[in-house]
Amino acid sequence: MENRFTKYLAYAIGEIILVVLGILIALQINEWNNQRIENQEEAKTYQNIRRQIEDDQKALIDARMYNDYHLKAYRYANQIIISENRQKADSLAVMAMLLGRFSDFHRSSNIYETLVNSGELRLLKNNAITQKLQQLEMTYTFVNKLEVMHWDMISNELPQVLRGVVNYNDFKAVRPEKLYDVDMQNMFVSIIYLSETKASVYKQALSEIEELIALIAKEVGPTANQKNSADPPAQN
């Protein structure tokens, strides 16, 4: 009886151990599976972020080029006013009308806020990326404030300065002397300063985007374009 009881006890203990091992293995497999799914979701989130900031990057480059082009014209116009070169009144009139044009950057979406609201932020394990995203959002907010200031200036103040001075139909100077007065020069100087500030912030935003793209590439690998640009040139 003792022999049989000992064998039964050993068998029962063995069964218990097997059941426990089976449960532990199942839990581990489930943990691995959950981790795999979470890693896939994290990689997908990084790729979505990269796609959005690359869209922003293209829009920022276009805005910066547009801003730089007109900034050169404004600086040239200001030099005409300073030199009081009356022979260039018609050119000055055209550039005064150009004051109504301005770069207007619009980001694809509020990335960081979207991540927080969707709960996807918890998936991102790289704290450097989340910190850079927060910084980029602050930079975007500053850009948008500058764009609003620029729009307010050209929609509220510029018409008063240009009214009766330039013919809106053919851009010809109606009162050339007014193109050289202090109101016109102050308008050029104000928009030059605003455009220079925008140029600086555009540059900062582009730098932050490049840093983010580099960090994301370390997590999920480079894009096809990045791989191609990194490849050495073909030898003839």
C-alpha atoms as a PDB file:
ATOM      1  CA  MET A   1       0.000   0.000   0.000  1.00  0.00           C
ATOM      2  CA  GLU A   2       2.811   2.399   0.887  1.00  0.00           C
ATOM      3  CA  ASN A   3       4.547   1.518  -2.368  1.00  0.00           C
ATOM      4  CA  ARG A   4       1.436   2.237  -4.419  1.00  0.00           C
ATOM      5  CA  PHE A   5       0.723   5.425  -2.478  1.00  0.00           C
ATOM      6  CA  THR A   6       4.302   6.640  -3.073  1.00  0.00           C
ATOM      7  CA  LYS A   7       4.041   5.888  -6.786  1.00  0.00           C
ATOM      8  CA  TYR A   8       0.656   7.621  -6.961  1.00  0.00           C
ATOM      9  CA  LEU A   9       2.007  10.633  -5.101  1.00  0.00           C
ATOM     10  CA  ALA A  10       5.025  10.818  -7.386  1.00  0.00           C
ATOM     11  CA  TYR A  11       2.733  10.525 -10.392  1.00  0.00           C
ATOM     12  CA  ALA A  12       0.419  13.258  -9.052  1.00  0.00           C
ATOM     13  CA  ILE A  13       3.323  15.558  -8.336  1.00  0.00           C
ATOM     14  CA  GLY A  14       4.666  14.889 -11.822  1.00  0.00           C
ATOM     15  CA  GLU A  15       1.279  15.724 -13.308  1.00  0.00           C
ATOM     16  CA  ILE A  16       1.126  18.928 -11.305  1.00  0.00           C
ATOM     17  CA  ILE A  17       4.610  19.883 -12.430  1.00  0.00           C
ATOM     18  CA  LEU A  18       3.689  19.195 -16.058  1.00  0.00           C
ATOM     19  CA  VAL A  19       0.522  21.277 -15.739  1.00  0.00           C
ATOM     20  CA  VAL A  20       2.427  24.135 -14.131  1.00  0.00           C
ATOM     21  CA  LEU A  21       5.142  23.941 -16.791  1.00  0.00           C
ATOM     22  CA  GLY A  22       2.468  23.908 -19.484  1.00  0.00           C
ATOM     23  CA  ILE A  23       0.829  26.991 -18.000  1.00  0.00           C
ATOM     24  CA  LEU A  24       4.180  28.784 -17.690  1.00  0.00           C
ATOM     25  CA  ILE A  25       5.098  27.915 -21.274  1.00  0.00           C
ATOM     26  CA  ALA A  26       1.672  29.078 -22.494  1.00  0.00           C
ATOM     27  CA  LEU A  27       2.022  32.325 -20.569  1.00  0.00           C
ATOM     28  CA  GLN A  28       5.518  32.855 -21.975  1.00  0.00           C
ATOM     29  CA  ILE A  29       4.341  32.158 -25.518  1.00  0.00           C
ATOM     30  CA  ASN A  30       1.453  34.569 -24.985  1.00  0.00           C
ATOM     31  CA  GLU A  31       3.877  37.171 -23.634  1.00  0.00           C
ATOM     32  CA  TRP A  32       6.156  36.713 -26.635  1.00  0.00           C
ATOM     33  CA  ASN A  33       3.184  37.017 -28.963  1.00  0.00           C
ATOM     34  CA  ASN A  34       1.933  40.167 -27.219  1.00  0.00           C
ATOM     35  CA  GLN A  35       5.428  41.631 -27.342  1.00  0.00           C
ATOM     36  CA  ARG A  36       5.691  40.818 -31.047  1.00  0.00           C
ATOM     37  CA  ILE A  37       2.343  42.509 -31.740  1.00  0.00           C
ATOM     38  CA  GLU A  38       3.346  45.503 -29.636  1.00  0.00           C
ATOM     39  CA  ASN A  39       6.670  45.783 -31.485  1.00  0.00           C
ATOM     40  CA  GLN A  40       4.827  45.675 -34.800  1.00  0.00           C
ATOM     41  CA  GLU A  41       2.447  48.393 -33.620  1.00  0.00           C
ATOM     42  CA  GLU A  42       5.378  50.472 -32.405  1.00  0.00           C
ATOM     43  CA  ALA A  43       7.150  50.127 -35.761  1.00  0.00           C
ATOM     44  CA  LYS A  44       3.915  51.029 -37.579  1.00  0.00           C
ATOM     45  CA  THR A  45       3.522  54.129 -35.400  1.00  0.00           C
ATOM     46  CA  TYR A  46       7.113  55.199 -36.113  1.00  0.00           C
ATOM     47  CA  GLN A  47       6.511  54.756 -39.843  1.00  0.00           C
ATOM     48  CA  ASN A  48       3.312  56.824 -39.665  1.00  0.00           C
ATOM     49  CA  ILE A  49       5.168  59.577 -37.822  1.00  0.00           C
ATOM     50  CA  ARG A  50       7.937  59.523 -40.410  1.00  0.00           C
ATOM     51  CA  ARG A  51       5.454  59.733 -43.274  1.00  0.00           C
ATOM     52  CA  GLN A  52       3.735  62.750 -41.703  1.00  0.00           C
ATOM     53  CA  ILE A  53       6.921  64.659 -40.910  1.00  0.00           C
ATOM     54  CA  GLU A  54       8.288  63.929 -44.389  1.00  0.00           C
ATOM     55  CA  ASP A  55       5.122  65.531 -45.797  1.00  0.00           C
ATOM     56  CA  ASP A  56       5.737  68.471 -43.468  1.00  0.00           C
ATOM     57  CA  GLN A  57       9.352  68.594 -44.618  1.00  0.00           C
ATOM     58  CA  LYS A  58       8.328  69.010 -48.263  1.00  0.00           C
ATOM     59  CA  ALA A  59       5.795  71.721 -47.368  1.00  0.00           C
ATOM     60  CA  LEU A  60       8.392  73.532 -45.242  1.00  0.00           C
ATOM     61  CA  ILE A  61      10.989  73.457 -48.034  1.00  0.00           C
ATOM     62  CA  ASP A  62       8.457  74.974 -50.452  1.00  0.00           C
ATOM     63  CA  ALA A  63       7.449  77.619 -47.890  1.00  0.00           C
ATOM     64  CA  ARG A  64      11.074  78.490 -47.173  1.00  0.00           C
ATOM     65  CA  MET A  65      11.909  78.878 -50.886  1.00  0.00           C
ATOM     66  CA  TYR A  66       8.841  81.070 -51.436  1.00  0.00           C
ATOM     67  CA  ASN A  67       9.692  83.171 -48.383  1.00  0.00           C
ATOM     68  CA  ASP A  68      13.368  83.546 -49.363  1.00  0.00           C
ATOM     69  CA  TYR A  69      12.472  84.624 -52.904  1.00  0.00           C
ATOM     70  CA  HIS A  70      10.197  87.430 -51.714  1.00  0.00           C
ATOM     71  CA  LEU A  71      12.540  88.397 -48.888  1.00  0.00           C
ATOM     72  CA  LYS A  72      15.229  89.221 -51.449  1.00  0.00           C
ATOM     73  CA  ALA A  73      12.760  91.420 -53.324  1.00  0.00           C
ATOM     74  CA  TYR A  74      11.755  93.243 -50.121  1.00  0.00           C
ATOM     75  CA  ARG A  75      15.381  93.919 -49.198  1.00  0.00           C
ATOM     76  CA  TYR A  76      16.058  95.253 -52.685  1.00  0.00           C
ATOM     77  CA  ALA A  77      12.985  97.506 -52.460  1.00  0.00           C
ATOM     78  CA  ASN A  78      14.162  98.859 -49.129  1.00  0.00           C
ATOM     79  CA  GLN A  79      17.525  99.733 -50.657  1.00  0.00           C
ATOM     80  CA  ILE A  80      15.737 101.627 -53.449  1.00  0.00           C
ATOM     81  CA  ILE A  81      13.849 103.649 -50.832  1.00  0.00           C
ATOM     82  CA  ILE A  82      17.014 104.334 -48.821  1.00  0.00           C
ATOM     83  CA  SER A  83      18.889 105.499 -51.936  1.00  0.00           C
ATOM     84  CA  GLU A  84      15.824 107.500 -53.088  1.00  0.00           C
ATOM     85  CA  ASN A  85      16.329 106.224 -56.625  1.00  0.00           C
ATOM     86  CA  ARG A  86      13.268 107.760 -58.306  1.00  0.00           C
ATOM     87  CA  GLN A  87      14.089 106.111 -61.624  1.00  0.00           C
ATOM     88  CA  LYS A  88      13.045 102.778 -60.131  1.00  0.00           C
ATOM     89  CA  ALA A  89       9.618 103.912 -58.972  1.00  0.00           C
ATOM     90  CA  ASP A  90       7.837 101.426 -61.264  1.00  0.00           C
ATOM     91  CA  SER A  91       9.966  98.529 -59.960  1.00  0.00           C
ATOM     92  CA  LEU A  92       9.299  99.677 -56.429  1.00  0.00           C
ATOM     93  CA  ALA A  93       5.560  99.737 -57.136  1.00  0.00           C
ATOM     94  CA  VAL A  94       5.683  96.107 -58.310  1.00  0.00           C
ATOM     95  CA  MET A  95       7.604  95.044 -55.211  1.00  0.00           C
ATOM     96  CA  ALA A  96       5.167  96.947 -53.020  1.00  0.00           C
ATOM     97  CA  MET A  97       2.373  94.836 -54.508  1.00  0.00           C
ATOM     98  CA  LEU A  98       4.453  91.724 -53.798  1.00  0.00           C
ATOM     99  CA  LEU A  99       4.121  92.547 -50.107  1.00  0.00           C
ATOM    100  CA  GLY A 100       0.677  90.962 -50.344  1.00  0.00           C
ATOM    101  CA  ARG A 101       2.200  87.540 -50.981  1.00  0.00           C
ATOM    102  CA  PHE A 102       3.554  85.394 -48.185  1.00  0.00           C
ATOM    103  CA  SER A 103       4.565  81.823 -47.414  1.00  0.00           C
ATOM    104  CA  ASP A 104       1.965  79.949 -45.381  1.00  0.00           C
ATOM    105  CA  PHE A 105       3.085  76.603 -43.952  1.00  0.00           C
ATOM    106  CA  HIS A 106       0.418  74.162 -42.821  1.00  0.00           C
ATOM    107  CA  ARG A 107       1.502  70.959 -41.074  1.00  0.00           C
ATOM    108  CA  SER A 108      -0.180  67.682 -42.050  1.00  0.00           C
ATOM    109  CA  SER A 109      -1.558  67.139 -38.521  1.00  0.00           C
ATOM    110  CA  ASN A 110      -0.895  67.694 -34.822  1.00  0.00           C
ATOM    111  CA  ILE A 111       1.241  64.567 -34.478  1.00  0.00           C
ATOM    112  CA  TYR A 112       2.019  64.576 -30.755  1.00  0.00           C
ATOM    113  CA  GLU A 113      -1.530  65.440 -29.674  1.00  0.00           C
ATOM    114  CA  THR A 114      -2.898  62.730 -31.985  1.00  0.00           C
ATOM    115  CA  LEU A 115      -0.556  60.165 -30.421  1.00  0.00           C
ATOM    116  CA  VAL A 116      -1.681  61.154 -26.919  1.00  0.00           C
ATOM    117  CA  ASN A 117      -5.401  61.075 -27.769  1.00  0.00           C
ATOM    118  CA  SER A 118      -5.162  57.723 -29.597  1.00  0.00           C
ATOM    119  CA  GLY A 119      -3.093  56.087 -26.845  1.00  0.00           C
ATOM    120  CA  GLU A 120      -0.327  55.254 -29.318  1.00  0.00           C
ATOM    121  CA  LEU A 121       2.188  57.338 -27.369  1.00  0.00           C
ATOM    122  CA  ARG A 122       2.577  54.496 -24.846  1.00  0.00           C
ATOM    123  CA  LEU A 123       3.906  52.281 -27.667  1.00  0.00           C
ATOM    124  CA  LEU A 124       6.918  54.514 -28.266  1.00  0.00           C
ATOM    125  CA  LYS A 125       9.801  53.289 -26.124  1.00  0.00           C
ATOM    126  CA  ASN A 126      12.364  55.736 -27.493  1.00  0.00           C
ATOM    127  CA  ASN A 127      12.059  58.760 -25.215  1.00  0.00           C
ATOM    128  CA  ALA A 128      14.319  60.823 -27.474  1.00  0.00           C
ATOM    129  CA  ILE A 129      11.731  60.557 -30.263  1.00  0.00           C
ATOM    130  CA  THR A 130       8.828  61.635 -28.053  1.00  0.00           C
ATOM    131  CA  GLN A 131      10.858  64.582 -26.741  1.00  0.00           C
ATOM    132  CA  LYS A 132      11.788  65.634 -30.285  1.00  0.00           C
ATOM    133  CA  LEU A 133       8.128  65.387 -31.310  1.00  0.00           C
ATOM    134  CA  GLN A 134       7.145  67.708 -28.460  1.00  0.00           C
ATOM    135  CA  GLN A 135       9.844  70.181 -29.489  1.00  0.00           C
ATOM    136  CA  LEU A 136       8.726  70.027 -33.125  1.00  0.00           C
ATOM    137  CA  GLU A 137       5.135  70.737 -32.083  1.00  0.00           C
ATOM    138  CA  MET A 138       6.319  73.830 -30.203  1.00  0.00           C
ATOM    139  CA  THR A 139       8.240  74.974 -33.274  1.00  0.00           C
ATOM    140  CA  TYR A 140       5.179  74.390 -35.476  1.00  0.00           C
ATOM    141  CA  THR A 141       3.063  76.451 -33.061  1.00  0.00           C
ATOM    142  CA  PHE A 142       5.553  79.306 -33.324  1.00  0.00           C
ATOM    143  CA  VAL A 143       5.512  79.070 -37.143  1.00  0.00           C
ATOM    144  CA  ASN A 144       1.718  79.227 -37.174  1.00  0.00           C
ATOM    145  CA  LYS A 145       1.737  82.323 -34.940  1.00  0.00           C
ATOM    146  CA  LEU A 146       4.153  84.013 -37.346  1.00  0.00           C
ATOM    147  CA  GLU A 147       1.923  83.097 -40.303  1.00  0.00           C
ATOM    148  CA  VAL A 148      -1.088  84.641 -38.521  1.00  0.00           C
ATOM    149  CA  MET A 149       0.891  87.808 -37.748  1.00  0.00           C
ATOM    150  CA  HIS A 150       1.987  88.024 -41.393  1.00  0.00           C
ATOM    151  CA  TRP A 151      -1.566  87.592 -42.663  1.00  0.00           C
ATOM    152  CA  ASP A 152      -2.907  90.211 -40.249  1.00  0.00           C
ATOM    153  CA  MET A 153      -0.256  92.686 -41.391  1.00  0.00           C
ATOM    154  CA  ILE A 154      -0.901  92.324 -45.115  1.00  0.00           C
ATOM    155  CA  SER A 155      -4.689  92.183 -44.755  1.00  0.00           C
ATOM    156  CA  ASN A 156      -5.112  95.059 -42.280  1.00  0.00           C
ATOM    157  CA  GLU A 157      -2.139  97.421 -42.594  1.00  0.00           C
ATOM    158  CA  LEU A 158      -0.882  96.970 -46.173  1.00  0.00           C
ATOM    159  CA  PRO A 159      -4.082  98.124 -47.956  1.00  0.00           C
ATOM    160  CA  GLN A 160      -3.947 101.419 -46.070  1.00  0.00           C
ATOM    161  CA  VAL A 161      -0.359 102.032 -47.179  1.00  0.00           C
ATOM    162  CA  LEU A 162      -0.998 101.063 -50.818  1.00  0.00           C
ATOM    163  CA  ARG A 163      -4.382 102.762 -51.260  1.00  0.00           C
ATOM    164  CA  GLY A 164      -4.128 105.468 -53.932  1.00  0.00           C
ATOM    165  CA  VAL A 165      -0.401 104.856 -54.347  1.00  0.00           C
ATOM    166  CA  VAL A 166      -0.334 101.890 -56.755  1.00  0.00           C
ATOM    167  CA  ASN A 167      -2.845 100.910 -59.431  1.00  0.00           C
ATOM    168  CA  TYR A 168      -3.898  97.357 -58.558  1.00  0.00           C
ATOM    169  CA  ASN A 169      -4.742  96.638 -62.189  1.00  0.00           C
ATOM    170  CA  ASP A 170      -1.367  97.246 -63.838  1.00  0.00           C
ATOM    171  CA  PHE A 171       0.902  97.694 -60.777  1.00  0.00           C
ATOM    172  CA  LYS A 172       1.870 101.186 -61.933  1.00  0.00           C
ATOM    173  CA  ALA A 173       2.721 103.928 -59.460  1.00  0.00           C
ATOM    174  CA  VAL A 174      -0.100 106.482 -59.215  1.00  0.00           C
ATOM    175  CA  ARG A 175       1.648 108.614 -56.575  1.00  0.00           C
ATOM    176  CA  PRO A 176       5.325 107.699 -56.904  1.00  0.00           C
ATOM    177  CA  GLU A 177       6.388 110.049 -54.111  1.00  0.00           C
ATOM    178  CA  LYS A 178       4.379 107.989 -51.598  1.00  0.00           C
ATOM    179  CA  LEU A 179       6.473 104.926 -52.423  1.00  0.00           C
ATOM    180  CA  TYR A 180       9.447 106.621 -50.769  1.00  0.00           C
ATOM    181  CA  ASP A 181       7.791 107.925 -47.617  1.00  0.00           C
ATOM    182  CA  VAL A 182       8.237 106.562 -44.103  1.00  0.00           C
ATOM    183  CA  ASP A 183       4.966 104.584 -44.063  1.00  0.00           C
ATOM    184  CA  MET A 184       5.989 102.543 -47.100  1.00  0.00           C
ATOM    185  CA  GLN A 185       9.502 101.993 -45.782  1.00  0.00           C
ATOM    186  CA  ASN A 186       8.186 100.934 -42.371  1.00  0.00           C
ATOM    187  CA  MET A 187       5.934  98.418 -44.070  1.00  0.00           C
ATOM    188  CA  PHE A 188       8.877  96.932 -45.979  1.00  0.00           C
ATOM    189  CA  VAL A 189      11.075  96.878 -42.864  1.00  0.00           C
ATOM    190  CA  SER A 190       8.349  95.206 -40.768  1.00  0.00           C
ATOM    191  CA  ILE A 191       7.718  92.496 -43.326  1.00  0.00           C
ATOM    192  CA  ILE A 192      11.454  91.991 -43.878  1.00  0.00           C
ATOM    193  CA  TYR A 193      11.902  91.398 -40.154  1.00  0.00           C
ATOM    194  CA  LEU A 194       8.918  89.040 -40.054  1.00  0.00           C
ATOM    195  CA  SER A 195      10.131  87.141 -43.131  1.00  0.00           C
ATOM    196  CA  GLU A 196      13.626  86.807 -41.667  1.00  0.00           C
ATOM    197  CA  THR A 197      12.157  85.402 -38.458  1.00  0.00           C
ATOM    198  CA  LYS A 198      10.089  82.930 -40.459  1.00  0.00           C
ATOM    199  CA  ALA A 199      13.173  81.880 -42.422  1.00  0.00           C
ATOM    200  CA  SER A 200      14.990  81.150 -39.158  1.00  0.00           C
ATOM    201  CA  VAL A 201      12.101  79.128 -37.718  1.00  0.00           C
ATOM    202  CA  TYR A 202      11.614  77.214 -40.987  1.00  0.00           C
ATOM    203  CA  LYS A 203      15.293  76.258 -40.790  1.00  0.00           C
ATOM    204  CA  GLN A 204      14.908  75.160 -37.164  1.00  0.00           C
ATOM    205  CA  ALA A 205      11.852  73.025 -37.972  1.00  0.00           C
ATOM    206  CA  LEU A 206      13.634  71.347 -40.891  1.00  0.00           C
ATOM    207  CA  SER A 207      16.618  70.575 -38.665  1.00  0.00           C
ATOM    208  CA  GLU A 208      14.337  69.031 -36.031  1.00  0.00           C
ATOM    209  CA  ILE A 209      12.600  66.937 -38.697  1.00  0.00           C
ATOM    210  CA  GLU A 210      15.943  65.625 -39.974  1.00  0.00           C
ATOM    211  CA  GLU A 211      16.928  64.626 -36.432  1.00  0.00           C
ATOM    212  CA  LEU A 212      13.596  62.846 -35.952  1.00  0.00           C
ATOM    213  CA  ILE A 213      13.904  60.981 -39.248  1.00  0.00           C
ATOM    214  CA  ALA A 214      17.400  59.822 -38.255  1.00  0.00           C
ATOM    215  CA  LEU A 215      16.149  58.569 -34.858  1.00  0.00           C
ATOM    216  CA  ILE A 216      13.213  56.744 -36.446  1.00  0.00           C
ATOM    217  CA  ALA A 217      15.528  55.152 -39.021  1.00  0.00           C
ATOM    218  CA  LYS A 218      17.473  53.592 -36.135  1.00  0.00           C
ATOM    219  CA  GLU A 219      14.239  52.022 -34.877  1.00  0.00           C
ATOM    220  CA  VAL A 220      12.656  50.772 -38.106  1.00  0.00           C
ATOM    221  CA  GLY A 221      15.391  51.163 -40.708  1.00  0.00           C
ATOM    222  CA  PRO A 222      15.816  53.731 -43.492  1.00  0.00           C
ATOM    223  CA  THR A 223      13.322  54.297 -46.276  1.00  0.00           C
ATOM    224  CA  ALA A 224      14.043  53.173 -49.831  1.00  0.00           C
ATOM    225  CA  ASN A 225      15.077  56.731 -50.764  1.00  0.00           C
ATOM    226  CA  GLN A 226      17.460  56.914 -47.813  1.00  0.00           C
ATOM    227  CA  LYS A 227      19.002  53.578 -48.786  1.00  0.00           C
ATOM    228  CA  ASN A 228      19.503  54.759 -52.359  1.00  0.00           C
ATOM    229  CA  SER A 229      21.074  58.040 -51.255  1.00  0.00           C
ATOM    230  CA  ALA A 230      23.413  56.129 -48.944  1.00  0.00           C
ATOM    231  CA  ASP A 231      24.568  53.742 -51.668  1.00  0.00           C
ATOM    232  CA  PRO A 232      27.992  54.550 -53.172  1.00  0.00           C
ATOM    233  CA  PRO A 233      27.950  55.786 -56.778  1.00  0.00           C
ATOM    234  CA  ALA A 234      28.375  53.169 -59.444  1.00  0.00           C
ATOM    235  CA  GLN A 235      31.872  52.743 -60.774  1.00  0.00           C
ATOM    236  CA  ASN A 236      32.376  53.009 -64.535  1.00  0.00           C
END
